[in-house]
């Protein structure tokens, strides 16, 4: 059975998106370097999931924190399996407690490098 060109592209380029605890970023960067992940983008985000909300007090006023600070990592992979990247992130970010984060793998239709004009896997 032959694949259409779009299906081939989906198999070549994948984006791994991970939302992790900020204190685990160093360990995740080291793990990604060990598996040969070529590049990554990091952003500070806030969100909620299974991690319980916290109640605090400030100047006598009670407040609830239900959006926890997290770090979002995006990594486009072409030459190495996305499963290796997922395993590296999961192992490095795991604390065994609620709020460790989640990892998503998405197909990427195409990539275009602005400076050189390279496209597809050459752009990564």
PDB file of N, CA and C in Angstrom:
ATOM      1  N   UNK A   1       0.843  -1.169   0.000  1.00  0.00           N
ATOM      2  CA  UNK A   1       0.000   0.000   0.000  1.00  0.00           C
ATOM      3  C   UNK A   1       0.893   1.237   0.000  1.00  0.00           C
ATOM      4  N   UNK A   2       0.692   2.139  -0.944  1.00  0.00           N
ATOM      5  CA  UNK A   2       1.517   3.328  -1.017  1.00  0.00           C
ATOM      6  C   UNK A   2       0.887   4.459  -0.222  1.00  0.00           C
ATOM      7  N   UNK A   3       1.759   5.329   0.268  1.00  0.00           N
ATOM      8  CA  UNK A   3       1.289   6.464   1.047  1.00  0.00           C
ATOM      9  C   UNK A   3       1.224   7.695   0.156  1.00  0.00           C
ATOM     10  N   UNK A   4       0.306   8.579   0.461  1.00  0.00           N
ATOM     11  CA  UNK A   4       0.249   9.837  -0.271  1.00  0.00           C
ATOM     12  C   UNK A   4       1.392  10.720   0.202  1.00  0.00           C
ATOM     13  N   UNK A   5       1.778  11.748  -0.554  1.00  0.00           N
ATOM     14  CA  UNK A   5       2.869  12.631  -0.130  1.00  0.00           C
ATOM     15  C   UNK A   5       2.609  13.284   1.227  1.00  0.00           C
ATOM     16  N   UNK A   6       1.347  13.628   1.523  1.00  0.00           N
ATOM     17  CA  UNK A   6       1.042  14.247   2.810  1.00  0.00           C
ATOM     18  C   UNK A   6       1.333  13.285   3.959  1.00  0.00           C
ATOM     19  N   UNK A   7       1.004  11.999   3.780  1.00  0.00           N
ATOM     20  CA  UNK A   7       1.252  11.020   4.830  1.00  0.00           C
ATOM     21  C   UNK A   7       2.746  10.830   5.050  1.00  0.00           C
ATOM     22  N   UNK A   8       3.548  10.896   3.964  1.00  0.00           N
ATOM     23  CA  UNK A   8       4.989  10.766   4.111  1.00  0.00           C
ATOM     24  C   UNK A   8       5.550  11.940   4.896  1.00  0.00           C
ATOM     25  N   UNK A   9       5.077  13.152   4.595  1.00  0.00           N
ATOM     26  CA  UNK A   9       5.549  14.338   5.306  1.00  0.00           C
ATOM     27  C   UNK A   9       5.201  14.249   6.780  1.00  0.00           C
ATOM     28  N   UNK A  10       3.983  13.794   7.098  1.00  0.00           N
ATOM     29  CA  UNK A  10       3.564  13.668   8.489  1.00  0.00           C
ATOM     30  C   UNK A  10       4.495  12.728   9.240  1.00  0.00           C
ATOM     31  N   UNK A  11       4.966  11.675   8.576  1.00  0.00           N
ATOM     32  CA  UNK A  11       5.830  10.715   9.234  1.00  0.00           C
ATOM     33  C   UNK A  11       7.231  11.289   9.438  1.00  0.00           C
ATOM     34  N   UNK A  12       7.655  12.226   8.581  1.00  0.00           N
ATOM     35  CA  UNK A  12       9.005  12.761   8.668  1.00  0.00           C
ATOM     36  C   UNK A  12       9.153  13.835   9.740  1.00  0.00           C
ATOM     37  N   UNK A  13       8.221  14.753   9.810  1.00  0.00           N
ATOM     38  CA  UNK A  13       8.297  15.858  10.761  1.00  0.00           C
ATOM     39  C   UNK A  13       7.233  15.706  11.835  1.00  0.00           C
ATOM     40  N   UNK A  14       7.660  15.749  13.085  1.00  0.00           N
ATOM     41  CA  UNK A  14       6.715  15.690  14.188  1.00  0.00           C
ATOM     42  C   UNK A  14       7.116  16.728  15.227  1.00  0.00           C
ATOM     43  N   UNK A  15       6.104  17.301  15.884  1.00  0.00           N
ATOM     44  CA  UNK A  15       6.359  18.241  16.966  1.00  0.00           C
ATOM     45  C   UNK A  15       5.998  17.575  18.281  1.00  0.00           C
ATOM     46  N   UNK A  16       6.949  17.587  19.201  1.00  0.00           N
ATOM     47  CA  UNK A  16       6.716  17.087  20.544  1.00  0.00           C
ATOM     48  C   UNK A  16       6.533  18.313  21.432  1.00  0.00           C
ATOM     49  N   UNK A  17       5.373  18.405  22.079  1.00  0.00           N
ATOM     50  CA  UNK A  17       5.055  19.512  22.977  1.00  0.00           C
ATOM     51  C   UNK A  17       4.921  18.948  24.381  1.00  0.00           C
ATOM     52  N   UNK A  18       5.687  19.494  25.307  1.00  0.00           N
ATOM     53  CA  UNK A  18       5.633  19.035  26.693  1.00  0.00           C
ATOM     54  C   UNK A  18       5.353  20.225  27.605  1.00  0.00           C
ATOM     55  N   UNK A  19       4.490  20.013  28.582  1.00  0.00           N
ATOM     56  CA  UNK A  19       4.228  20.999  29.617  1.00  0.00           C
ATOM     57  C   UNK A  19       4.705  20.364  30.915  1.00  0.00           C
ATOM     58  N   UNK A  20       5.735  20.969  31.523  1.00  0.00           N
ATOM     59  CA  UNK A  20       6.409  20.362  32.675  1.00  0.00           C
ATOM     60  C   UNK A  20       6.535  21.366  33.822  1.00  0.00           C
ATOM     61  N   UNK A  21       7.002  20.870  34.956  1.00  0.00           N
ATOM     62  CA  UNK A  21       7.316  21.745  36.093  1.00  0.00           C
ATOM     63  C   UNK A  21       8.550  22.576  35.731  1.00  0.00           C
ATOM     64  N   UNK A  22       8.560  23.862  36.055  1.00  0.00           N
ATOM     65  CA  UNK A  22       9.706  24.712  35.694  1.00  0.00           C
ATOM     66  C   UNK A  22      11.033  24.224  36.263  1.00  0.00           C
ATOM     67  N   UNK A  23      11.026  23.652  37.447  1.00  0.00           N
ATOM     68  CA  UNK A  23      12.283  23.211  38.064  1.00  0.00           C
ATOM     69  C   UNK A  23      12.890  22.000  37.363  1.00  0.00           C
ATOM     70  N   UNK A  24      12.154  21.362  36.463  1.00  0.00           N
ATOM     71  CA  UNK A  24      12.654  20.193  35.740  1.00  0.00           C
ATOM     72  C   UNK A  24      13.257  20.553  34.379  1.00  0.00           C
ATOM     73  N   UNK A  25      13.253  21.841  34.023  1.00  0.00           N
ATOM     74  CA  UNK A  25      13.737  22.256  32.698  1.00  0.00           C
ATOM     75  C   UNK A  25      15.192  21.852  32.466  1.00  0.00           C
ATOM     76  N   UNK A  26      16.059  22.053  33.436  1.00  0.00           N
ATOM     77  CA  UNK A  26      17.473  21.700  33.272  1.00  0.00           C
ATOM     78  C   UNK A  26      17.666  20.224  32.979  1.00  0.00           C
ATOM     79  N   UNK A  27      16.984  19.383  33.722  1.00  0.00           N
ATOM     80  CA  UNK A  27      17.094  17.937  33.509  1.00  0.00           C
ATOM     81  C   UNK A  27      16.548  17.537  32.146  1.00  0.00           C
ATOM     82  N   UNK A  28      15.454  18.163  31.718  1.00  0.00           N
ATOM     83  CA  UNK A  28      14.865  17.850  30.407  1.00  0.00           C
ATOM     84  C   UNK A  28      15.795  18.294  29.286  1.00  0.00           C
ATOM     85  N   UNK A  29      16.403  19.478  29.403  1.00  0.00           N
ATOM     86  CA  UNK A  29      17.346  19.944  28.371  1.00  0.00           C
ATOM     87  C   UNK A  29      18.524  18.985  28.241  1.00  0.00           C
ATOM     88  N   UNK A  30      19.039  18.515  29.364  1.00  0.00           N
ATOM     89  CA  UNK A  30      20.150  17.557  29.343  1.00  0.00           C
ATOM     90  C   UNK A  30      19.724  16.254  28.678  1.00  0.00           C
ATOM     91  N   UNK A  31      18.536  15.761  29.020  1.00  0.00           N
ATOM     92  CA  UNK A  31      18.037  14.510  28.440  1.00  0.00           C
ATOM     93  C   UNK A  31      17.825  14.646  26.931  1.00  0.00           C
ATOM     94  N   UNK A  32      17.306  15.788  26.494  1.00  0.00           N
ATOM     95  CA  UNK A  32      17.103  15.999  25.061  1.00  0.00           C
ATOM     96  C   UNK A  32      18.431  16.069  24.313  1.00  0.00           C
ATOM     97  N   UNK A  33      19.430  16.682  24.905  1.00  0.00           N
ATOM     98  CA  UNK A  33      20.754  16.728  24.277  1.00  0.00           C
ATOM     99  C   UNK A  33      21.347  15.324  24.143  1.00  0.00           C
ATOM    100  N   UNK A  34      21.102  14.474  25.134  1.00  0.00           N
ATOM    101  CA  UNK A  34      21.635  13.107  25.098  1.00  0.00           C
ATOM    102  C   UNK A  34      21.012  12.269  23.987  1.00  0.00           C
ATOM    103  N   UNK A  35      19.716  12.503  23.658  1.00  0.00           N
ATOM    104  CA  UNK A  35      19.080  11.730  22.587  1.00  0.00           C
ATOM    105  C   UNK A  35      19.269  12.384  21.223  1.00  0.00           C
ATOM    106  N   UNK A  36      19.896  13.564  21.196  1.00  0.00           N
ATOM    107  CA  UNK A  36      20.189  14.212  19.926  1.00  0.00           C
ATOM    108  C   UNK A  36      19.071  15.062  19.368  1.00  0.00           C
ATOM    109  N   UNK A  37      18.166  15.541  20.231  1.00  0.00           N
ATOM    110  CA  UNK A  37      17.098  16.437  19.761  1.00  0.00           C
ATOM    111  C   UNK A  37      17.755  17.727  19.281  1.00  0.00           C
ATOM    112  N   UNK A  38      17.473  18.139  18.036  1.00  0.00           N
ATOM    113  CA  UNK A  38      18.234  19.223  17.418  1.00  0.00           C
ATOM    114  C   UNK A  38      17.987  20.611  17.995  1.00  0.00           C
ATOM    115  N   UNK A  39      16.762  20.915  18.351  1.00  0.00           N
ATOM    116  CA  UNK A  39      16.469  22.261  18.831  1.00  0.00           C
ATOM    117  C   UNK A  39      15.200  22.227  19.657  1.00  0.00           C
ATOM    118  N   UNK A  40      14.970  23.298  20.395  1.00  0.00           N
ATOM    119  CA  UNK A  40      13.747  23.370  21.174  1.00  0.00           C
ATOM    120  C   UNK A  40      13.382  24.825  21.411  1.00  0.00           C
ATOM    121  N   UNK A  41      12.116  25.032  21.723  1.00  0.00           N
ATOM    122  CA  UNK A  41      11.586  26.334  22.092  1.00  0.00           C
ATOM    123  C   UNK A  41      10.978  26.188  23.475  1.00  0.00           C
ATOM    124  N   UNK A  42      11.242  27.165  24.345  1.00  0.00           N
ATOM    125  CA  UNK A  42      10.776  27.105  25.726  1.00  0.00           C
ATOM    126  C   UNK A  42       9.983  28.369  26.039  1.00  0.00           C
ATOM    127  N   UNK A  43       8.848  28.202  26.719  1.00  0.00           N
ATOM    128  CA  UNK A  43       8.036  29.341  27.135  1.00  0.00           C
ATOM    129  C   UNK A  43       7.465  29.075  28.521  1.00  0.00           C
ATOM    130  N   UNK A  44       7.321  30.144  29.295  1.00  0.00           N
ATOM    131  CA  UNK A  44       6.662  30.033  30.597  1.00  0.00           C
ATOM    132  C   UNK A  44       5.162  30.177  30.381  1.00  0.00           C
ATOM    133  N   UNK A  45       4.398  29.253  30.948  1.00  0.00           N
ATOM    134  CA  UNK A  45       2.947  29.257  30.800  1.00  0.00           C
ATOM    135  C   UNK A  45       2.310  28.983  32.160  1.00  0.00           C
ATOM    136  N   UNK A  46       0.996  29.130  32.234  1.00  0.00           N
ATOM    137  CA  UNK A  46       0.252  28.780  33.439  1.00  0.00           C
ATOM    138  C   UNK A  46      -0.915  27.895  33.020  1.00  0.00           C
ATOM    139  N   UNK A  47      -1.252  26.945  33.868  1.00  0.00           N
ATOM    140  CA  UNK A  47      -2.359  26.060  33.529  1.00  0.00           C
ATOM    141  C   UNK A  47      -2.762  25.223  34.720  1.00  0.00           C
ATOM    142  N   UNK A  48      -3.771  24.393  34.485  1.00  0.00           N
ATOM    143  CA  UNK A  48      -4.206  23.496  35.543  1.00  0.00           C
ATOM    144  C   UNK A  48      -4.597  22.163  34.932  1.00  0.00           C
ATOM    145  N   UNK A  49      -4.468  21.152  35.734  1.00  0.00           N
ATOM    146  CA  UNK A  49      -4.807  19.792  35.328  1.00  0.00           C
ATOM    147  C   UNK A  49      -5.159  19.020  36.576  1.00  0.00           C
ATOM    148  N   UNK A  50      -4.436  17.938  36.824  1.00  0.00           N
ATOM    149  CA  UNK A  50      -4.736  17.109  37.987  1.00  0.00           C
ATOM    150  C   UNK A  50      -4.105  17.644  39.271  1.00  0.00           C
ATOM    151  N   UNK A  51      -3.214  18.623  39.149  1.00  0.00           N
ATOM    152  CA  UNK A  51      -2.574  19.191  40.329  1.00  0.00           C
ATOM    153  C   UNK A  51      -3.604  19.988  41.132  1.00  0.00           C
ATOM    154  N   UNK A  52      -3.705  19.736  42.433  1.00  0.00           N
ATOM    155  CA  UNK A  52      -4.744  20.418  43.228  1.00  0.00           C
ATOM    156  C   UNK A  52      -4.473  21.912  43.357  1.00  0.00           C
ATOM    157  N   UNK A  53      -5.559  22.670  43.535  1.00  0.00           N
ATOM    158  CA  UNK A  53      -5.400  24.106  43.746  1.00  0.00           C
ATOM    159  C   UNK A  53      -4.886  24.363  45.147  1.00  0.00           C
ATOM    160  N   UNK A  54      -4.243  25.517  45.309  1.00  0.00           N
ATOM    161  CA  UNK A  54      -3.682  25.878  46.603  1.00  0.00           C
ATOM    162  C   UNK A  54      -4.408  27.103  47.133  1.00  0.00           C
ATOM    163  N   UNK A  55      -4.609  27.143  48.439  1.00  0.00           N
ATOM    164  CA  UNK A  55      -5.236  28.287  49.101  1.00  0.00           C
ATOM    165  C   UNK A  55      -4.173  28.966  49.939  1.00  0.00           C
ATOM    166  N   UNK A  56      -4.076  30.280  49.793  1.00  0.00           N
ATOM    167  CA  UNK A  56      -3.092  31.031  50.552  1.00  0.00           C
ATOM    168  C   UNK A  56      -3.714  32.271  51.161  1.00  0.00           C
ATOM    169  N   UNK A  57      -2.894  33.000  51.929  1.00  0.00           N
ATOM    170  CA  UNK A  57      -3.346  34.243  52.532  1.00  0.00           C
ATOM    171  C   UNK A  57      -2.309  35.309  52.277  1.00  0.00           C
ATOM    172  N   UNK A  58      -2.792  36.497  51.962  1.00  0.00           N
ATOM    173  CA  UNK A  58      -1.917  37.641  51.779  1.00  0.00           C
ATOM    174  C   UNK A  58      -2.603  38.855  52.373  1.00  0.00           C
ATOM    175  N   UNK A  59      -1.953  39.472  53.349  1.00  0.00           N
ATOM    176  CA  UNK A  59      -2.499  40.636  54.059  1.00  0.00           C
ATOM    177  C   UNK A  59      -3.911  40.378  54.598  1.00  0.00           C
ATOM    178  N   UNK A  60      -4.096  39.209  55.142  1.00  0.00           N
ATOM    179  CA  UNK A  60      -5.374  38.866  55.742  1.00  0.00           C
ATOM    180  C   UNK A  60      -6.445  38.420  54.775  1.00  0.00           C
ATOM    181  N   UNK A  61      -6.184  38.498  53.487  1.00  0.00           N
ATOM    182  CA  UNK A  61      -7.147  38.082  52.466  1.00  0.00           C
ATOM    183  C   UNK A  61      -6.789  36.682  51.979  1.00  0.00           C
ATOM    184  N   UNK A  62      -7.787  35.829  51.880  1.00  0.00           N
ATOM    185  CA  UNK A  62      -7.574  34.479  51.366  1.00  0.00           C
ATOM    186  C   UNK A  62      -7.717  34.484  49.851  1.00  0.00           C
ATOM    187  N   UNK A  63      -6.840  33.755  49.172  1.00  0.00           N
ATOM    188  CA  UNK A  63      -6.914  33.641  47.721  1.00  0.00           C
ATOM    189  C   UNK A  63      -6.641  32.209  47.309  1.00  0.00           C
ATOM    190  N   UNK A  64      -7.095  31.853  46.117  1.00  0.00           N
ATOM    191  CA  UNK A  64      -6.917  30.509  45.585  1.00  0.00           C
ATOM    192  C   UNK A  64      -6.042  30.569  44.334  1.00  0.00           C
ATOM    193  N   UNK A  65      -5.057  29.686  44.281  1.00  0.00           N
ATOM    194  CA  UNK A  65      -4.206  29.566  43.108  1.00  0.00           C
ATOM    195  C   UNK A  65      -4.610  28.282  42.399  1.00  0.00           C
ATOM    196  N   UNK A  66      -5.275  28.403  41.255  1.00  0.00           N
ATOM    197  CA  UNK A  66      -5.657  27.209  40.511  1.00  0.00           C
ATOM    198  C   UNK A  66      -4.956  27.130  39.159  1.00  0.00           C
ATOM    199  N   UNK A  67      -4.214  28.162  38.799  1.00  0.00           N
ATOM    200  CA  UNK A  67      -3.371  28.114  37.604  1.00  0.00           C
ATOM    201  C   UNK A  67      -1.920  28.074  38.075  1.00  0.00           C
ATOM    202  N   UNK A  68      -1.262  26.950  37.844  1.00  0.00           N
ATOM    203  CA  UNK A  68       0.102  26.739  38.310  1.00  0.00           C
ATOM    204  C   UNK A  68       1.099  27.104  37.219  1.00  0.00           C
ATOM    205  N   UNK A  69       2.240  27.646  37.624  1.00  0.00           N
ATOM    206  CA  UNK A  69       3.289  28.005  36.675  1.00  0.00           C
ATOM    207  C   UNK A  69       3.906  26.725  36.107  1.00  0.00           C
ATOM    208  N   UNK A  70       4.008  26.677  34.793  1.00  0.00           N
ATOM    209  CA  UNK A  70       4.581  25.527  34.082  1.00  0.00           C
ATOM    210  C   UNK A  70       5.535  26.029  33.012  1.00  0.00           C
ATOM    211  N   UNK A  71       6.285  25.121  32.424  1.00  0.00           N
ATOM    212  CA  UNK A  71       7.169  25.426  31.309  1.00  0.00           C
ATOM    213  C   UNK A  71       6.730  24.579  30.124  1.00  0.00           C
ATOM    214  N   UNK A  72       6.566  25.237  28.976  1.00  0.00           N
ATOM    215  CA  UNK A  72       6.170  24.536  27.755  1.00  0.00           C
ATOM    216  C   UNK A  72       7.396  24.405  26.860  1.00  0.00           C
ATOM    217  N   UNK A  73       7.631  23.186  26.401  1.00  0.00           N
ATOM    218  CA  UNK A  73       8.764  22.896  25.523  1.00  0.00           C
ATOM    219  C   UNK A  73       8.213  22.376  24.204  1.00  0.00           C
ATOM    220  N   UNK A  74       8.685  22.935  23.096  1.00  0.00           N
ATOM    221  CA  UNK A  74       8.319  22.451  21.763  1.00  0.00           C
ATOM    222  C   UNK A  74       9.591  22.008  21.060  1.00  0.00           C
ATOM    223  N   UNK A  75       9.541  20.836  20.468  1.00  0.00           N
ATOM    224  CA  UNK A  75      10.704  20.273  19.789  1.00  0.00           C
ATOM    225  C   UNK A  75      10.235  19.632  18.487  1.00  0.00           C
ATOM    226  N   UNK A  76      10.769  20.075  17.362  1.00  0.00           N
ATOM    227  CA  UNK A  76      10.449  19.481  16.065  1.00  0.00           C
ATOM    228  C   UNK A  76      11.529  18.444  15.766  1.00  0.00           C
ATOM    229  N   UNK A  77      11.111  17.227  15.450  1.00  0.00           N
ATOM    230  CA  UNK A  77      12.067  16.159  15.166  1.00  0.00           C
ATOM    231  C   UNK A  77      11.847  15.609  13.768  1.00  0.00           C
ATOM    232  N   UNK A  78      12.952  15.276  13.120  1.00  0.00           N
ATOM    233  CA  UNK A  78      12.894  14.698  11.789  1.00  0.00           C
ATOM    234  C   UNK A  78      13.808  13.483  11.684  1.00  0.00           C
ATOM    235  N   UNK A  79      15.017  13.594  12.228  1.00  0.00           N
ATOM    236  CA  UNK A  79      16.017  12.546  12.072  1.00  0.00           C
ATOM    237  C   UNK A  79      16.000  11.504  13.185  1.00  0.00           C
ATOM    238  N   UNK A  80      15.376  11.824  14.303  1.00  0.00           N
ATOM    239  CA  UNK A  80      15.304  10.868  15.409  1.00  0.00           C
ATOM    240  C   UNK A  80      13.835  10.564  15.693  1.00  0.00           C
ATOM    241  N   UNK A  81      13.539   9.382  16.183  1.00  0.00           N
ATOM    242  CA  UNK A  81      12.134   9.045  16.466  1.00  0.00           C
ATOM    243  C   UNK A  81      11.545   9.936  17.564  1.00  0.00           C
ATOM    244  N   UNK A  82      10.310  10.363  17.372  1.00  0.00           N
ATOM    245  CA  UNK A  82       9.622  11.175  18.373  1.00  0.00           C
ATOM    246  C   UNK A  82       9.474  10.398  19.673  1.00  0.00           C
ATOM    247  N   UNK A  83       9.367   9.081  19.584  1.00  0.00           N
ATOM    248  CA  UNK A  83       9.221   8.273  20.799  1.00  0.00           C
ATOM    249  C   UNK A  83      10.450   8.378  21.696  1.00  0.00           C
ATOM    250  N   UNK A  84      11.657   8.549  21.107  1.00  0.00           N
ATOM    251  CA  UNK A  84      12.870   8.733  21.905  1.00  0.00           C
ATOM    252  C   UNK A  84      12.821  10.061  22.662  1.00  0.00           C
ATOM    253  N   UNK A  85      12.310  11.094  21.992  1.00  0.00           N
ATOM    254  CA  UNK A  85      12.192  12.410  22.622  1.00  0.00           C
ATOM    255  C   UNK A  85      11.165  12.356  23.750  1.00  0.00           C
ATOM    256  N   UNK A  86      10.040  11.696  23.500  1.00  0.00           N
ATOM    257  CA  UNK A  86       8.997  11.566  24.523  1.00  0.00           C
ATOM    258  C   UNK A  86       9.545  10.824  25.740  1.00  0.00           C
ATOM    259  N   UNK A  87      10.246   9.739  25.523  1.00  0.00           N
ATOM    260  CA  UNK A  87      10.818   8.963  26.641  1.00  0.00           C
ATOM    261  C   UNK A  87      11.823   9.786  27.438  1.00  0.00           C
ATOM    262  N   UNK A  88      12.658  10.551  26.737  1.00  0.00           N
ATOM    263  CA  UNK A  88      13.661  11.369  27.418  1.00  0.00           C
ATOM    264  C   UNK A  88      12.994  12.431  28.294  1.00  0.00           C
ATOM    265  N   UNK A  89      11.973  13.084  27.762  1.00  0.00           N
ATOM    266  CA  UNK A  89      11.269  14.117  28.527  1.00  0.00           C
ATOM    267  C   UNK A  89      10.550  13.487  29.720  1.00  0.00           C
ATOM    268  N   UNK A  90       9.849  12.394  29.477  1.00  0.00           N
ATOM    269  CA  UNK A  90       9.083  11.749  30.546  1.00  0.00           C
ATOM    270  C   UNK A  90       9.986  11.289  31.683  1.00  0.00           C
ATOM    271  N   UNK A  91      11.122  10.706  31.345  1.00  0.00           N
ATOM    272  CA  UNK A  91      12.035  10.230  32.386  1.00  0.00           C
ATOM    273  C   UNK A  91      12.636  11.390  33.182  1.00  0.00           C
ATOM    274  N   UNK A  92      12.998  12.470  32.488  1.00  0.00           N
ATOM    275  CA  UNK A  92      13.653  13.600  33.157  1.00  0.00           C
ATOM    276  C   UNK A  92      12.673  14.447  33.970  1.00  0.00           C
ATOM    277  N   UNK A  93      11.408  14.521  33.550  1.00  0.00           N
ATOM    278  CA  UNK A  93      10.445  15.401  34.202  1.00  0.00           C
ATOM    279  C   UNK A  93       9.626  14.710  35.297  1.00  0.00           C
ATOM    280  N   UNK A  94       9.757  13.417  35.431  1.00  0.00           N
ATOM    281  CA  UNK A  94       8.916  12.661  36.367  1.00  0.00           C
ATOM    282  C   UNK A  94       9.336  12.880  37.814  1.00  0.00           C
ATOM    283  N   UNK A  95       8.364  13.268  38.661  1.00  0.00           N
ATOM    284  CA  UNK A  95       8.587  13.324  40.112  1.00  0.00           C
ATOM    285  C   UNK A  95       7.694  12.319  40.819  1.00  0.00           C
ATOM    286  N   UNK A  96       6.698  11.802  40.104  1.00  0.00           N
ATOM    287  CA  UNK A  96       5.768  10.859  40.695  1.00  0.00           C
ATOM    288  C   UNK A  96       4.605  11.509  41.422  1.00  0.00           C
ATOM    289  N   UNK A  97       4.503  12.824  41.346  1.00  0.00           N
ATOM    290  CA  UNK A  97       3.427  13.550  42.020  1.00  0.00           C
ATOM    291  C   UNK A  97       2.501  14.185  40.989  1.00  0.00           C
ATOM    292  N   UNK A  98       1.257  14.492  41.370  1.00  0.00           N
ATOM    293  CA  UNK A  98       0.367  15.194  40.442  1.00  0.00           C
ATOM    294  C   UNK A  98       0.978  16.532  40.022  1.00  0.00           C
ATOM    295  N   UNK A  99       0.796  16.879  38.763  1.00  0.00           N
ATOM    296  CA  UNK A  99       1.327  18.141  38.258  1.00  0.00           C
ATOM    297  C   UNK A  99       2.642  18.004  37.525  1.00  0.00           C
ATOM    298  N   UNK A 100       3.079  16.766  37.249  1.00  0.00           N
ATOM    299  CA  UNK A 100       4.327  16.576  36.507  1.00  0.00           C
ATOM    300  C   UNK A 100       4.213  17.080  35.073  1.00  0.00           C
ATOM    301  N   UNK A 101       3.027  17.060  34.488  1.00  0.00           N
ATOM    302  CA  UNK A 101       2.840  17.594  33.148  1.00  0.00           C
ATOM    303  C   UNK A 101       2.338  16.562  32.167  1.00  0.00           C
ATOM    304  N   UNK A 102       2.332  16.974  30.909  1.00  0.00           N
ATOM    305  CA  UNK A 102       1.860  16.112  29.820  1.00  0.00           C
ATOM    306  C   UNK A 102       2.743  16.320  28.605  1.00  0.00           C
ATOM    307  N   UNK A 103       2.721  15.315  27.708  1.00  0.00           N
ATOM    308  CA  UNK A 103       3.486  15.375  26.467  1.00  0.00           C
ATOM    309  C   UNK A 103       2.538  15.049  25.321  1.00  0.00           C
ATOM    310  N   UNK A 104       2.605  15.848  24.260  1.00  0.00           N
ATOM    311  CA  UNK A 104       1.780  15.648  23.077  1.00  0.00           C
ATOM    312  C   UNK A 104       2.690  15.512  21.858  1.00  0.00           C
ATOM    313  N   UNK A 105       2.321  14.643  20.921  1.00  0.00           N
ATOM    314  CA  UNK A 105       3.056  14.484  19.670  1.00  0.00           C
ATOM    315  C   UNK A 105       2.097  14.831  18.532  1.00  0.00           C
ATOM    316  N   UNK A 106       2.511  15.800  17.712  1.00  0.00           N
ATOM    317  CA  UNK A 106       1.668  16.300  16.627  1.00  0.00           C
ATOM    318  C   UNK A 106       2.380  16.168  15.294  1.00  0.00           C
ATOM    319  N   UNK A 107       1.662  15.827  14.236  1.00  0.00           N
ATOM    320  CA  UNK A 107       2.283  15.821  12.912  1.00  0.00           C
ATOM    321  C   UNK A 107       2.507  17.258  12.429  1.00  0.00           C
ATOM    322  N   UNK A 108       3.583  17.465  11.692  1.00  0.00           N
ATOM    323  CA  UNK A 108       3.888  18.779  11.122  1.00  0.00           C
ATOM    324  C   UNK A 108       3.822  18.645   9.606  1.00  0.00           C
ATOM    325  N   UNK A 109       2.976  19.443   8.981  1.00  0.00           N
ATOM    326  CA  UNK A 109       2.783  19.356   7.534  1.00  0.00           C
ATOM    327  C   UNK A 109       4.026  19.808   6.770  1.00  0.00           C
ATOM    328  N   UNK A 110       4.678  20.868   7.220  1.00  0.00           N
ATOM    329  CA  UNK A 110       5.843  21.384   6.512  1.00  0.00           C
ATOM    330  C   UNK A 110       6.590  22.347   7.421  1.00  0.00           C
ATOM    331  N   UNK A 111       7.818  22.634   7.070  1.00  0.00           N
ATOM    332  CA  UNK A 111       8.626  23.616   7.785  1.00  0.00           C
ATOM    333  C   UNK A 111       9.351  24.453   6.745  1.00  0.00           C
ATOM    334  N   UNK A 112       9.599  25.699   7.055  1.00  0.00           N
ATOM    335  CA  UNK A 112      10.277  26.613   6.143  1.00  0.00           C
ATOM    336  C   UNK A 112      11.257  27.451   6.943  1.00  0.00           C
ATOM    337  N   UNK A 113      12.535  27.381   6.579  1.00  0.00           N
ATOM    338  CA  UNK A 113      13.545  28.175   7.273  1.00  0.00           C
ATOM    339  C   UNK A 113      13.648  29.530   6.585  1.00  0.00           C
ATOM    340  N   UNK A 114      13.464  30.585   7.339  1.00  0.00           N
ATOM    341  CA  UNK A 114      13.381  31.931   6.774  1.00  0.00           C
ATOM    342  C   UNK A 114      14.696  32.351   6.118  1.00  0.00           C
ATOM    343  N   UNK A 115      15.829  32.176   6.782  1.00  0.00           N
ATOM    344  CA  UNK A 115      17.100  32.672   6.273  1.00  0.00           C
ATOM    345  C   UNK A 115      17.534  31.984   4.998  1.00  0.00           C
ATOM    346  N   UNK A 116      17.463  30.649   4.953  1.00  0.00           N
ATOM    347  CA  UNK A 116      17.984  29.907   3.799  1.00  0.00           C
ATOM    348  C   UNK A 116      16.927  29.530   2.768  1.00  0.00           C
ATOM    349  N   UNK A 117      15.672  29.527   3.172  1.00  0.00           N
ATOM    350  CA  UNK A 117      14.611  29.089   2.273  1.00  0.00           C
ATOM    351  C   UNK A 117      14.438  27.581   2.231  1.00  0.00           C
ATOM    352  N   UNK A 118      15.197  26.852   3.070  1.00  0.00           N
ATOM    353  CA  UNK A 118      15.076  25.390   3.109  1.00  0.00           C
ATOM    354  C   UNK A 118      13.685  25.010   3.595  1.00  0.00           C
ATOM    355  N   UNK A 119      13.182  23.880   3.071  1.00  0.00           N
ATOM    356  CA  UNK A 119      11.857  23.409   3.473  1.00  0.00           C
ATOM    357  C   UNK A 119      11.923  21.950   3.908  1.00  0.00           C
ATOM    358  N   UNK A 120      10.838  21.497   4.544  1.00  0.00           N
ATOM    359  CA  UNK A 120      10.743  20.107   4.979  1.00  0.00           C
ATOM    360  C   UNK A 120      11.759  19.767   6.040  1.00  0.00           C
ATOM    361  N   UNK A 121      12.327  18.560   5.957  1.00  0.00           N
ATOM    362  CA  UNK A 121      13.300  18.119   6.961  1.00  0.00           C
ATOM    363  C   UNK A 121      14.587  18.923   6.894  1.00  0.00           C
ATOM    364  N   UNK A 122      14.914  19.509   5.735  1.00  0.00           N
ATOM    365  CA  UNK A 122      16.115  20.344   5.624  1.00  0.00           C
ATOM    366  C   UNK A 122      16.008  21.615   6.458  1.00  0.00           C
ATOM    367  N   UNK A 123      14.803  22.071   6.718  1.00  0.00           N
ATOM    368  CA  UNK A 123      14.590  23.292   7.497  1.00  0.00           C
ATOM    369  C   UNK A 123      14.794  23.058   8.995  1.00  0.00           C
ATOM    370  N   UNK A 124      14.711  21.810   9.414  1.00  0.00           N
ATOM    371  CA  UNK A 124      14.856  21.507  10.829  1.00  0.00           C
ATOM    372  C   UNK A 124      16.311  21.323  11.137  1.00  0.00           C
TER     373      UNK A 124
END
